[in-house]
Amino acid sequence: MDRETLIAFEHEIADLFRQAKIRAPVHLCSGNEDILINIFKHVKPTDWVVSTHRSHLHALLKGIPPEWLKREILAGHSITLNNREHRFFTSAIVGGGLPIAVGLALAGETVWCFFGDMAARTGAFHECVAYAAGHRLPVHFVIEDNGLSVCTPTQEVWGNDHAAKIISYRYKSSWPHQGDGGPRVIF
């Protein structure tokens, strides 16, 4: 799949949306075609792709037939495209695909998880990345940074990453994680 085909597909979907032939949310993407083409050179047919509400280009590059994709979009499924045969899953929830990607990787599947810069600021992102790294899971996390959290600049919404004053220290507790360590009295 080349850049021009990806761009043409999104323009066709935009035209159908303007003609009111799609009666559901549609999130189009552009400007990252070349980067995605390079990333998808490494994605194997046996790998899973977990995507976001903005997934048309991912689906096409994963090998999903454009005719199938267009039918699903016309049926109102643009933000919830799922195709088991092509090992493709999307979630319209911000960061919603992250734990699913980790779950697939825990099952031994190789996963490519795409999400935006807004999702990269969530707790789910940090927990999933830490867990996947700590367990050496076969999941690739791909942040697609368009500088926006929905329609507002990400820096305006979330602030500067380096402004936080973090204090970290290590200690050993004399108490167990739960309770007091003694026998438990049950009434």
N, C-alpha and C. Protein backbone atom coordinates (compact mmCIF):
# COMPACT_ATOMS: atom_id res chain seq x y z
N MET A 1 0.86 -1.18 0.00
CA MET A 1 0.00 0.00 0.00
C MET A 1 0.90 1.23 0.00
N ASP A 2 0.65 2.14 -0.92
CA ASP A 2 1.48 3.33 -1.01
C ASP A 2 0.75 4.56 -0.44
N ARG A 3 1.52 5.62 -0.32
CA ARG A 3 1.04 6.86 0.28
C ARG A 3 -0.19 7.41 -0.44
N GLU A 4 -0.14 7.41 -1.77
CA GLU A 4 -1.24 7.98 -2.56
C GLU A 4 -2.54 7.21 -2.35
N THR A 5 -2.45 5.88 -2.22
CA THR A 5 -3.64 5.05 -2.00
C THR A 5 -4.24 5.35 -0.63
N LEU A 6 -3.39 5.51 0.37
CA LEU A 6 -3.88 5.84 1.72
C LEU A 6 -4.60 7.18 1.72
N ILE A 7 -3.98 8.16 1.08
CA ILE A 7 -4.57 9.51 1.03
C ILE A 7 -5.89 9.48 0.27
N ALA A 8 -5.92 8.78 -0.85
CA ALA A 8 -7.15 8.68 -1.65
C ALA A 8 -8.28 8.03 -0.86
N PHE A 9 -7.96 7.00 -0.07
CA PHE A 9 -8.99 6.34 0.73
C PHE A 9 -9.60 7.32 1.73
N GLU A 10 -8.78 8.06 2.44
CA GLU A 10 -9.30 9.01 3.42
C GLU A 10 -10.13 10.11 2.75
N HIS A 11 -9.72 10.55 1.56
CA HIS A 11 -10.50 11.56 0.84
C HIS A 11 -11.86 10.99 0.42
N GLU A 12 -11.88 9.73 0.02
CA GLU A 12 -13.15 9.10 -0.35
C GLU A 12 -14.08 9.02 0.87
N ILE A 13 -13.53 8.65 2.02
CA ILE A 13 -14.34 8.57 3.24
C ILE A 13 -14.84 9.97 3.62
N ALA A 14 -14.00 10.97 3.48
CA ALA A 14 -14.42 12.35 3.78
C ALA A 14 -15.57 12.77 2.87
N ASP A 15 -15.47 12.43 1.60
CA ASP A 15 -16.56 12.76 0.66
C ASP A 15 -17.85 12.07 1.06
N LEU A 16 -17.78 10.80 1.42
CA LEU A 16 -18.97 10.07 1.83
C LEU A 16 -19.57 10.67 3.11
N PHE A 17 -18.72 11.12 4.00
CA PHE A 17 -19.19 11.75 5.23
C PHE A 17 -19.91 13.07 4.92
N ARG A 18 -19.31 13.87 4.05
CA ARG A 18 -19.93 15.15 3.66
C ARG A 18 -21.28 14.94 2.97
N GLN A 19 -21.42 13.81 2.29
CA GLN A 19 -22.68 13.50 1.61
C GLN A 19 -23.70 12.85 2.56
N ALA A 20 -23.37 12.78 3.85
CA ALA A 20 -24.23 12.19 4.89
C ALA A 20 -24.50 10.71 4.64
N LYS A 21 -23.56 10.02 4.01
CA LYS A 21 -23.71 8.58 3.81
C LYS A 21 -23.12 7.79 4.97
N ILE A 22 -22.43 8.49 5.85
CA ILE A 22 -21.91 7.88 7.07
C ILE A 22 -22.55 8.63 8.23
N ARG A 23 -23.37 7.94 8.98
CA ARG A 23 -24.11 8.59 10.06
C ARG A 23 -23.54 8.19 11.43
N ALA A 24 -22.25 8.37 11.53
CA ALA A 24 -21.55 8.04 12.78
C ALA A 24 -20.25 8.85 12.78
N PRO A 25 -19.59 8.93 13.92
CA PRO A 25 -18.31 9.66 13.96
C PRO A 25 -17.28 9.05 13.01
N VAL A 26 -16.52 9.91 12.38
CA VAL A 26 -15.42 9.50 11.51
C VAL A 26 -14.22 10.36 11.88
N HIS A 27 -13.10 9.72 12.14
CA HIS A 27 -11.86 10.42 12.49
C HIS A 27 -10.83 10.11 11.41
N LEU A 28 -10.55 11.10 10.60
CA LEU A 28 -9.63 10.92 9.48
C LEU A 28 -8.20 11.23 9.91
N CYS A 29 -7.26 10.74 9.13
CA CYS A 29 -5.85 10.92 9.48
C CYS A 29 -5.08 11.30 8.22
N SER A 30 -4.09 12.15 8.39
CA SER A 30 -3.21 12.50 7.28
C SER A 30 -1.91 13.06 7.82
N GLY A 31 -0.91 13.06 6.98
CA GLY A 31 0.38 13.64 7.33
C GLY A 31 1.37 12.65 7.90
N ASN A 32 0.90 11.44 8.23
CA ASN A 32 1.81 10.45 8.81
C ASN A 32 1.93 9.19 7.94
N GLU A 33 1.52 9.28 6.70
CA GLU A 33 1.50 8.11 5.83
C GLU A 33 2.88 7.48 5.67
N ASP A 34 3.88 8.29 5.40
CA ASP A 34 5.23 7.75 5.16
C ASP A 34 5.78 7.05 6.40
N ILE A 35 5.56 7.64 7.56
CA ILE A 35 6.03 7.03 8.81
C ILE A 35 5.32 5.70 9.04
N LEU A 36 4.00 5.67 8.84
CA LEU A 36 3.25 4.44 9.03
C LEU A 36 3.70 3.36 8.05
N ILE A 37 3.92 3.73 6.81
CA ILE A 37 4.38 2.74 5.83
C ILE A 37 5.68 2.12 6.30
N ASN A 38 6.59 2.91 6.83
CA ASN A 38 7.86 2.38 7.33
C ASN A 38 7.66 1.48 8.55
N ILE A 39 6.79 1.88 9.46
CA ILE A 39 6.52 1.04 10.64
C ILE A 39 5.91 -0.28 10.22
N PHE A 40 4.94 -0.24 9.33
CA PHE A 40 4.24 -1.46 8.93
C PHE A 40 5.11 -2.41 8.10
N LYS A 41 6.27 -2.00 7.67
CA LYS A 41 7.20 -2.92 7.03
C LYS A 41 7.66 -3.99 8.02
N HIS A 42 7.55 -3.68 9.32
CA HIS A 42 7.99 -4.60 10.37
C HIS A 42 6.85 -5.42 10.97
N VAL A 43 5.62 -5.07 10.63
CA VAL A 43 4.45 -5.77 11.16
C VAL A 43 4.17 -6.99 10.28
N LYS A 44 4.16 -8.15 10.91
CA LYS A 44 3.92 -9.41 10.18
C LYS A 44 2.43 -9.72 10.14
N PRO A 45 1.99 -10.50 9.17
CA PRO A 45 0.58 -10.90 9.13
C PRO A 45 0.12 -11.61 10.40
N THR A 46 1.03 -12.29 11.08
CA THR A 46 0.68 -13.00 12.32
C THR A 46 0.66 -12.10 13.54
N ASP A 47 1.15 -10.87 13.42
CA ASP A 47 1.14 -9.91 14.53
C ASP A 47 -0.26 -9.31 14.68
N TRP A 48 -0.59 -8.92 15.89
CA TRP A 48 -1.81 -8.17 16.15
C TRP A 48 -1.51 -6.68 16.04
N VAL A 49 -2.47 -5.92 15.56
CA VAL A 49 -2.41 -4.46 15.60
C VAL A 49 -3.60 -4.01 16.44
N VAL A 50 -3.28 -3.26 17.50
CA VAL A 50 -4.31 -2.67 18.36
C VAL A 50 -4.24 -1.17 18.10
N SER A 51 -5.36 -0.63 17.65
CA SER A 51 -5.36 0.76 17.20
C SER A 51 -6.36 1.59 17.98
N THR A 52 -6.60 2.78 17.48
CA THR A 52 -7.44 3.77 18.14
C THR A 52 -8.68 4.07 17.31
N HIS A 53 -9.38 5.13 17.68
CA HIS A 53 -10.54 5.61 16.93
C HIS A 53 -10.13 6.13 15.55
N ARG A 54 -8.87 6.37 15.34
CA ARG A 54 -8.35 6.91 14.07
C ARG A 54 -7.50 5.82 13.42
N SER A 55 -8.16 4.81 12.84
CA SER A 55 -7.45 3.58 12.49
C SER A 55 -7.49 3.19 11.01
N HIS A 56 -8.09 3.98 10.16
CA HIS A 56 -8.25 3.57 8.76
C HIS A 56 -6.92 3.21 8.10
N LEU A 57 -5.91 4.06 8.30
CA LEU A 57 -4.62 3.80 7.66
C LEU A 57 -3.97 2.55 8.23
N HIS A 58 -4.11 2.34 9.53
CA HIS A 58 -3.56 1.13 10.16
C HIS A 58 -4.21 -0.12 9.56
N ALA A 59 -5.53 -0.06 9.39
CA ALA A 59 -6.26 -1.21 8.85
C ALA A 59 -5.79 -1.53 7.43
N LEU A 60 -5.68 -0.50 6.61
CA LEU A 60 -5.24 -0.73 5.23
C LEU A 60 -3.82 -1.29 5.19
N LEU A 61 -2.95 -0.74 6.00
CA LEU A 61 -1.56 -1.20 6.02
C LEU A 61 -1.43 -2.59 6.63
N LYS A 62 -2.38 -2.99 7.45
CA LYS A 62 -2.36 -4.35 8.01
C LYS A 62 -2.83 -5.37 6.99
N GLY A 63 -3.38 -4.89 5.88
CA GLY A 63 -3.81 -5.80 4.81
C GLY A 63 -5.30 -6.02 4.74
N ILE A 64 -6.06 -5.28 5.52
CA ILE A 64 -7.52 -5.40 5.45
C ILE A 64 -7.98 -4.83 4.11
N PRO A 65 -8.79 -5.58 3.36
CA PRO A 65 -9.24 -5.10 2.05
C PRO A 65 -10.01 -3.78 2.16
N PRO A 66 -9.70 -2.83 1.29
CA PRO A 66 -10.38 -1.53 1.33
C PRO A 66 -11.90 -1.65 1.22
N GLU A 67 -12.40 -2.64 0.47
CA GLU A 67 -13.85 -2.81 0.31
C GLU A 67 -14.49 -3.17 1.65
N TRP A 68 -13.85 -4.07 2.40
CA TRP A 68 -14.37 -4.46 3.72
C TRP A 68 -14.35 -3.25 4.65
N LEU A 69 -13.24 -2.55 4.65
CA LEU A 69 -13.08 -1.38 5.53
C LEU A 69 -14.13 -0.32 5.22
N LYS A 70 -14.33 -0.04 3.95
CA LYS A 70 -15.32 0.96 3.55
C LYS A 70 -16.73 0.54 3.99
N ARG A 71 -17.08 -0.74 3.84
CA ARG A 71 -18.40 -1.23 4.28
C ARG A 71 -18.58 -1.02 5.78
N GLU A 72 -17.55 -1.32 6.55
CA GLU A 72 -17.63 -1.15 8.01
C GLU A 72 -17.79 0.32 8.40
N ILE A 73 -17.07 1.19 7.70
CA ILE A 73 -17.17 2.63 7.98
C ILE A 73 -18.58 3.13 7.62
N LEU A 74 -19.10 2.70 6.47
CA LEU A 74 -20.45 3.09 6.07
C LEU A 74 -21.50 2.57 7.04
N ALA A 75 -21.21 1.45 7.70
CA ALA A 75 -22.13 0.88 8.68
C ALA A 75 -22.01 1.57 10.04
N GLY A 76 -21.11 2.57 10.14
CA GLY A 76 -20.97 3.33 11.38
C GLY A 76 -19.92 2.80 12.33
N HIS A 77 -19.02 1.95 11.85
CA HIS A 77 -18.02 1.34 12.72
C HIS A 77 -16.62 1.93 12.57
N SER A 78 -16.53 3.14 12.11
CA SER A 78 -15.21 3.75 11.88
C SER A 78 -14.33 3.73 13.13
N ILE A 79 -14.93 3.96 14.30
CA ILE A 79 -14.12 4.05 15.52
C ILE A 79 -14.07 2.73 16.29
N THR A 80 -14.70 1.69 15.74
CA THR A 80 -14.67 0.37 16.39
C THR A 80 -14.44 -0.72 15.35
N LEU A 81 -13.39 -0.59 14.60
CA LEU A 81 -13.07 -1.57 13.56
C LEU A 81 -12.35 -2.76 14.17
N ASN A 82 -12.90 -3.94 13.97
CA ASN A 82 -12.27 -5.15 14.50
C ASN A 82 -12.34 -6.24 13.44
N ASN A 83 -11.21 -6.89 13.20
CA ASN A 83 -11.15 -7.92 12.18
C ASN A 83 -10.23 -9.03 12.68
N ARG A 84 -10.82 -10.09 13.19
CA ARG A 84 -10.05 -11.19 13.76
C ARG A 84 -9.15 -11.85 12.72
N GLU A 85 -9.67 -12.03 11.51
CA GLU A 85 -8.89 -12.68 10.45
C GLU A 85 -7.56 -11.96 10.21
N HIS A 86 -7.58 -10.64 10.25
CA HIS A 86 -6.37 -9.85 10.01
C HIS A 86 -5.68 -9.44 11.31
N ARG A 87 -6.20 -9.95 12.44
CA ARG A 87 -5.61 -9.68 13.74
C ARG A 87 -5.53 -8.18 14.00
N PHE A 88 -6.69 -7.56 13.93
CA PHE A 88 -6.81 -6.11 14.03
C PHE A 88 -7.92 -5.75 14.99
N PHE A 89 -7.62 -4.88 15.95
CA PHE A 89 -8.58 -4.47 16.97
C PHE A 89 -8.45 -2.97 17.21
N THR A 90 -9.59 -2.30 17.41
CA THR A 90 -9.55 -0.89 17.77
C THR A 90 -10.40 -0.62 19.00
N SER A 91 -10.09 0.47 19.65
CA SER A 91 -10.90 0.94 20.78
C SER A 91 -11.05 2.45 20.64
N ALA A 92 -12.28 2.91 20.82
CA ALA A 92 -12.53 4.35 20.77
C ALA A 92 -12.26 5.01 22.11
N ILE A 93 -11.95 4.23 23.13
CA ILE A 93 -11.66 4.76 24.46
C ILE A 93 -10.21 5.23 24.50
N VAL A 94 -9.96 6.43 24.98
CA VAL A 94 -8.59 6.94 25.07
C VAL A 94 -7.75 5.98 25.90
N GLY A 95 -6.74 5.39 25.28
CA GLY A 95 -5.86 4.44 25.96
C GLY A 95 -6.49 3.07 26.16
N GLY A 96 -7.68 2.85 25.66
CA GLY A 96 -8.40 1.59 25.88
C GLY A 96 -7.72 0.37 25.28
N GLY A 97 -6.97 0.56 24.22
CA GLY A 97 -6.29 -0.57 23.60
C GLY A 97 -5.03 -1.01 24.32
N LEU A 98 -4.49 -0.16 25.17
CA LEU A 98 -3.22 -0.47 25.85
C LEU A 98 -3.29 -1.75 26.68
N PRO A 99 -4.25 -1.90 27.61
CA PRO A 99 -4.29 -3.14 28.37
C PRO A 99 -4.65 -4.36 27.53
N ILE A 100 -5.41 -4.15 26.47
CA ILE A 100 -5.74 -5.26 25.57
C ILE A 100 -4.48 -5.74 24.86
N ALA A 101 -3.64 -4.80 24.43
CA ALA A 101 -2.38 -5.16 23.79
C ALA A 101 -1.49 -5.95 24.74
N VAL A 102 -1.43 -5.52 25.99
CA VAL A 102 -0.63 -6.24 26.99
C VAL A 102 -1.20 -7.64 27.21
N GLY A 103 -2.51 -7.76 27.26
CA GLY A 103 -3.14 -9.07 27.42
C GLY A 103 -2.81 -10.01 26.27
N LEU A 104 -2.88 -9.50 25.06
CA LEU A 104 -2.51 -10.31 23.90
C LEU A 104 -1.05 -10.74 23.97
N ALA A 105 -0.19 -9.81 24.37
CA ALA A 105 1.24 -10.12 24.49
C ALA A 105 1.48 -11.16 25.59
N LEU A 106 0.73 -11.08 26.68
CA LEU A 106 0.83 -12.08 27.75
C LEU A 106 0.47 -13.47 27.23
N ALA A 107 -0.42 -13.52 26.24
CA ALA A 107 -0.82 -14.80 25.64
C ALA A 107 0.20 -15.27 24.61
N GLY A 108 1.30 -14.52 24.45
CA GLY A 108 2.36 -14.93 23.54
C GLY A 108 2.27 -14.35 22.14
N GLU A 109 1.33 -13.44 21.93
CA GLU A 109 1.17 -12.82 20.62
C GLU A 109 2.08 -11.60 20.50
N THR A 110 2.61 -11.36 19.31
CA THR A 110 3.35 -10.13 19.04
C THR A 110 2.33 -9.06 18.68
N VAL A 111 2.46 -7.89 19.32
CA VAL A 111 1.45 -6.84 19.19
C VAL A 111 2.10 -5.51 18.87
N TRP A 112 1.43 -4.75 18.02
CA TRP A 112 1.79 -3.36 17.72
C TRP A 112 0.63 -2.52 18.21
N CYS A 113 0.86 -1.70 19.23
CA CYS A 113 -0.20 -0.92 19.85
C CYS A 113 -0.01 0.56 19.51
N PHE A 114 -0.97 1.12 18.79
CA PHE A 114 -0.94 2.52 18.37
C PHE A 114 -1.88 3.33 19.25
N PHE A 115 -1.45 4.53 19.62
CA PHE A 115 -2.27 5.42 20.44
C PHE A 115 -1.70 6.82 20.31
N GLY A 116 -2.49 7.80 20.74
CA GLY A 116 -2.08 9.20 20.59
C GLY A 116 -1.33 9.73 21.79
N ASP A 117 -0.84 10.96 21.63
CA ASP A 117 -0.06 11.60 22.69
C ASP A 117 -0.90 11.89 23.93
N MET A 118 -2.22 12.04 23.76
CA MET A 118 -3.07 12.21 24.94
C MET A 118 -3.09 10.93 25.76
N ALA A 119 -3.25 9.78 25.10
CA ALA A 119 -3.26 8.50 25.81
C ALA A 119 -1.92 8.22 26.48
N ALA A 120 -0.85 8.75 25.88
CA ALA A 120 0.49 8.54 26.45
C ALA A 120 0.67 9.28 27.77
N ARG A 121 -0.28 10.13 28.14
CA ARG A 121 -0.20 10.85 29.42
C ARG A 121 -1.03 10.17 30.50
N THR A 122 -1.71 9.08 30.16
CA THR A 122 -2.59 8.44 31.13
C THR A 122 -1.86 7.41 31.99
N GLY A 123 -2.46 7.09 33.10
CA GLY A 123 -1.91 6.06 33.97
C GLY A 123 -1.88 4.70 33.30
N ALA A 124 -2.89 4.41 32.47
CA ALA A 124 -2.94 3.11 31.77
C ALA A 124 -1.69 2.93 30.91
N PHE A 125 -1.28 3.99 30.24
CA PHE A 125 -0.08 3.91 29.40
C PHE A 125 1.14 3.53 30.25
N HIS A 126 1.35 4.27 31.32
CA HIS A 126 2.54 4.05 32.13
C HIS A 126 2.53 2.65 32.77
N GLU A 127 1.38 2.22 33.24
CA GLU A 127 1.29 0.89 33.83
C GLU A 127 1.53 -0.21 32.78
N CYS A 128 0.95 -0.06 31.61
CA CYS A 128 1.10 -1.07 30.56
C CYS A 128 2.54 -1.16 30.07
N VAL A 129 3.17 -0.02 29.86
CA VAL A 129 4.56 -0.01 29.40
C VAL A 129 5.47 -0.63 30.47
N ALA A 130 5.27 -0.25 31.72
CA ALA A 130 6.10 -0.80 32.80
C ALA A 130 5.91 -2.31 32.92
N TYR A 131 4.66 -2.77 32.84
CA TYR A 131 4.39 -4.20 32.96
C TYR A 131 4.99 -4.96 31.78
N ALA A 132 4.78 -4.44 30.57
CA ALA A 132 5.31 -5.11 29.38
C ALA A 132 6.84 -5.17 29.42
N ALA A 133 7.47 -4.08 29.84
CA ALA A 133 8.93 -4.06 29.93
C ALA A 133 9.42 -5.01 31.01
N GLY A 134 8.75 -4.99 32.17
CA GLY A 134 9.16 -5.84 33.28
C GLY A 134 9.03 -7.32 33.00
N HIS A 135 8.12 -7.67 32.11
CA HIS A 135 7.90 -9.08 31.76
C HIS A 135 8.38 -9.41 30.35
N ARG A 136 9.08 -8.46 29.76
CA ARG A 136 9.66 -8.65 28.41
C ARG A 136 8.62 -9.18 27.41
N LEU A 137 7.48 -8.53 27.40
CA LEU A 137 6.39 -8.95 26.52
C LEU A 137 6.62 -8.47 25.09
N PRO A 138 6.17 -9.23 24.11
CA PRO A 138 6.36 -8.86 22.70
C PRO A 138 5.34 -7.84 22.21
N VAL A 139 5.38 -6.65 22.80
CA VAL A 139 4.46 -5.59 22.39
C VAL A 139 5.27 -4.34 22.06
N HIS A 140 4.93 -3.72 20.94
CA HIS A 140 5.56 -2.47 20.50
C HIS A 140 4.55 -1.36 20.71
N PHE A 141 4.91 -0.35 21.48
CA PHE A 141 4.03 0.79 21.73
C PHE A 141 4.41 1.92 20.78
N VAL A 142 3.45 2.40 20.01
CA VAL A 142 3.70 3.45 19.01
C VAL A 142 2.85 4.67 19.34
N ILE A 143 3.51 5.74 19.79
CA ILE A 143 2.80 6.98 20.11
C ILE A 143 2.70 7.81 18.83
N GLU A 144 1.49 8.12 18.43
CA GLU A 144 1.25 8.98 17.27
C GLU A 144 0.95 10.38 17.80
N ASP A 145 1.96 11.20 17.80
CA ASP A 145 1.89 12.51 18.43
C ASP A 145 1.54 13.59 17.41
N ASN A 146 0.28 14.01 17.44
CA ASN A 146 -0.13 15.12 16.58
C ASN A 146 -0.23 16.42 17.36
N GLY A 147 0.24 16.38 18.63
CA GLY A 147 0.26 17.59 19.44
C GLY A 147 -1.09 17.99 20.00
N LEU A 148 -2.10 17.12 19.85
CA LEU A 148 -3.44 17.48 20.30
C LEU A 148 -4.02 16.43 21.24
N SER A 149 -4.68 16.91 22.27
CA SER A 149 -5.53 16.08 23.12
C SER A 149 -6.94 16.44 22.74
N VAL A 150 -7.52 15.63 21.88
CA VAL A 150 -8.78 15.88 21.19
C VAL A 150 -8.56 17.13 20.32
N CYS A 151 -9.05 18.29 20.73
CA CYS A 151 -8.90 19.50 19.90
C CYS A 151 -8.04 20.57 20.57
N THR A 152 -7.45 20.26 21.69
CA THR A 152 -6.65 21.23 22.42
C THR A 152 -5.20 20.79 22.41
N PRO A 153 -4.26 21.72 22.27
CA PRO A 153 -2.84 21.33 22.30
C PRO A 153 -2.51 20.53 23.55
N THR A 154 -1.84 19.42 23.36
CA THR A 154 -1.52 18.52 24.47
C THR A 154 -0.77 19.23 25.58
N GLN A 155 0.19 20.07 25.25
CA GLN A 155 0.95 20.79 26.28
C GLN A 155 0.04 21.69 27.10
N GLU A 156 -0.98 22.27 26.47
CA GLU A 156 -1.91 23.13 27.18
C GLU A 156 -2.77 22.33 28.16
N VAL A 157 -3.16 21.12 27.74
CA VAL A 157 -3.99 20.27 28.59
C VAL A 157 -3.18 19.65 29.72
N TRP A 158 -2.01 19.13 29.39
CA TRP A 158 -1.24 18.33 30.34
C TRP A 158 -0.04 19.04 30.93
N GLY A 159 0.37 20.13 30.34
CA GLY A 159 1.53 20.86 30.85
C GLY A 159 2.84 20.25 30.37
N ASN A 160 3.90 20.78 30.91
CA ASN A 160 5.25 20.35 30.54
C ASN A 160 5.63 19.11 31.33
N ASP A 161 6.11 18.09 30.64
CA ASP A 161 6.50 16.84 31.29
C ASP A 161 7.59 17.04 32.33
N HIS A 162 8.43 18.01 32.15
CA HIS A 162 9.60 18.15 33.00
C HIS A 162 9.39 19.14 34.16
N ALA A 163 8.17 19.61 34.32
CA ALA A 163 7.91 20.60 35.36
C ALA A 163 7.64 19.97 36.72
N ALA A 164 7.29 18.68 36.74
CA ALA A 164 6.94 18.03 38.01
C ALA A 164 8.17 17.88 38.91
N LYS A 165 7.94 18.04 40.19
CA LYS A 165 9.00 17.83 41.18
C LYS A 165 8.72 16.49 41.83
N ILE A 166 9.49 15.50 41.46
CA ILE A 166 9.27 14.13 41.92
C ILE A 166 10.34 13.76 42.94
N ILE A 167 9.88 13.25 44.06
CA ILE A 167 10.78 12.75 45.09
C ILE A 167 10.54 11.25 45.17
N SER A 168 11.60 10.48 45.07
CA SER A 168 11.48 9.03 45.15
C SER A 168 12.46 8.52 46.19
N TYR A 169 12.00 7.61 47.03
CA TYR A 169 12.91 7.00 47.99
C TYR A 169 12.52 5.54 48.17
N ARG A 170 13.45 4.72 48.64
CA ARG A 170 13.23 3.30 48.84
C ARG A 170 13.24 3.02 50.34
N TYR A 171 12.34 2.16 50.77
CA TYR A 171 12.30 1.77 52.18
C TYR A 171 11.80 0.33 52.30
N LYS A 172 12.00 -0.27 53.44
CA LYS A 172 11.50 -1.61 53.73
C LYS A 172 10.53 -1.47 54.90
N SER A 173 9.29 -1.87 54.67
CA SER A 173 8.27 -1.77 55.71
C SER A 173 8.40 -2.93 56.69
N SER A 174 8.11 -2.66 57.94
CA SER A 174 8.09 -3.73 58.93
C SER A 174 6.72 -4.39 58.99
N TRP A 175 5.76 -3.85 58.26
CA TRP A 175 4.42 -4.42 58.20
C TRP A 175 4.22 -5.15 56.89
N PRO A 176 3.37 -6.19 56.88
CA PRO A 176 3.05 -6.85 55.61
C PRO A 176 2.20 -5.92 54.74
N HIS A 177 1.99 -6.30 53.52
CA HIS A 177 1.20 -5.49 52.59
C HIS A 177 -0.20 -5.23 53.14
N GLN A 178 -0.78 -6.22 53.79
CA GLN A 178 -2.15 -6.09 54.30
C GLN A 178 -2.19 -6.68 55.71
N GLY A 179 -2.94 -6.07 56.56
CA GLY A 179 -3.08 -6.57 57.93
C GLY A 179 -1.87 -6.25 58.79
N ASP A 180 -1.81 -6.94 59.93
CA ASP A 180 -0.69 -6.66 60.85
C ASP A 180 0.29 -7.81 60.95
N GLY A 181 0.11 -8.86 60.15
CA GLY A 181 1.04 -9.98 60.16
C GLY A 181 0.68 -11.08 61.13
N GLY A 182 -0.24 -10.82 62.04
CA GLY A 182 -0.65 -11.83 63.00
C GLY A 182 -1.83 -12.63 62.51
N PRO A 183 -2.32 -13.55 63.34
CA PRO A 183 -3.48 -14.33 62.93
C PRO A 183 -4.70 -13.40 62.77
N ARG A 184 -5.51 -13.76 61.82
CA ARG A 184 -6.69 -12.95 61.52
C ARG A 184 -7.88 -13.46 62.33
N VAL A 185 -8.54 -12.57 63.00
CA VAL A 185 -9.72 -12.94 63.79
C VAL A 185 -10.95 -12.76 62.92
N ILE A 186 -11.70 -13.83 62.80
CA ILE A 186 -12.93 -13.77 61.99
C ILE A 186 -14.11 -13.87 62.94
N PHE A 187 -15.03 -12.96 62.86
CA PHE A 187 -16.21 -12.95 63.73
C PHE A 187 -17.31 -13.75 63.13
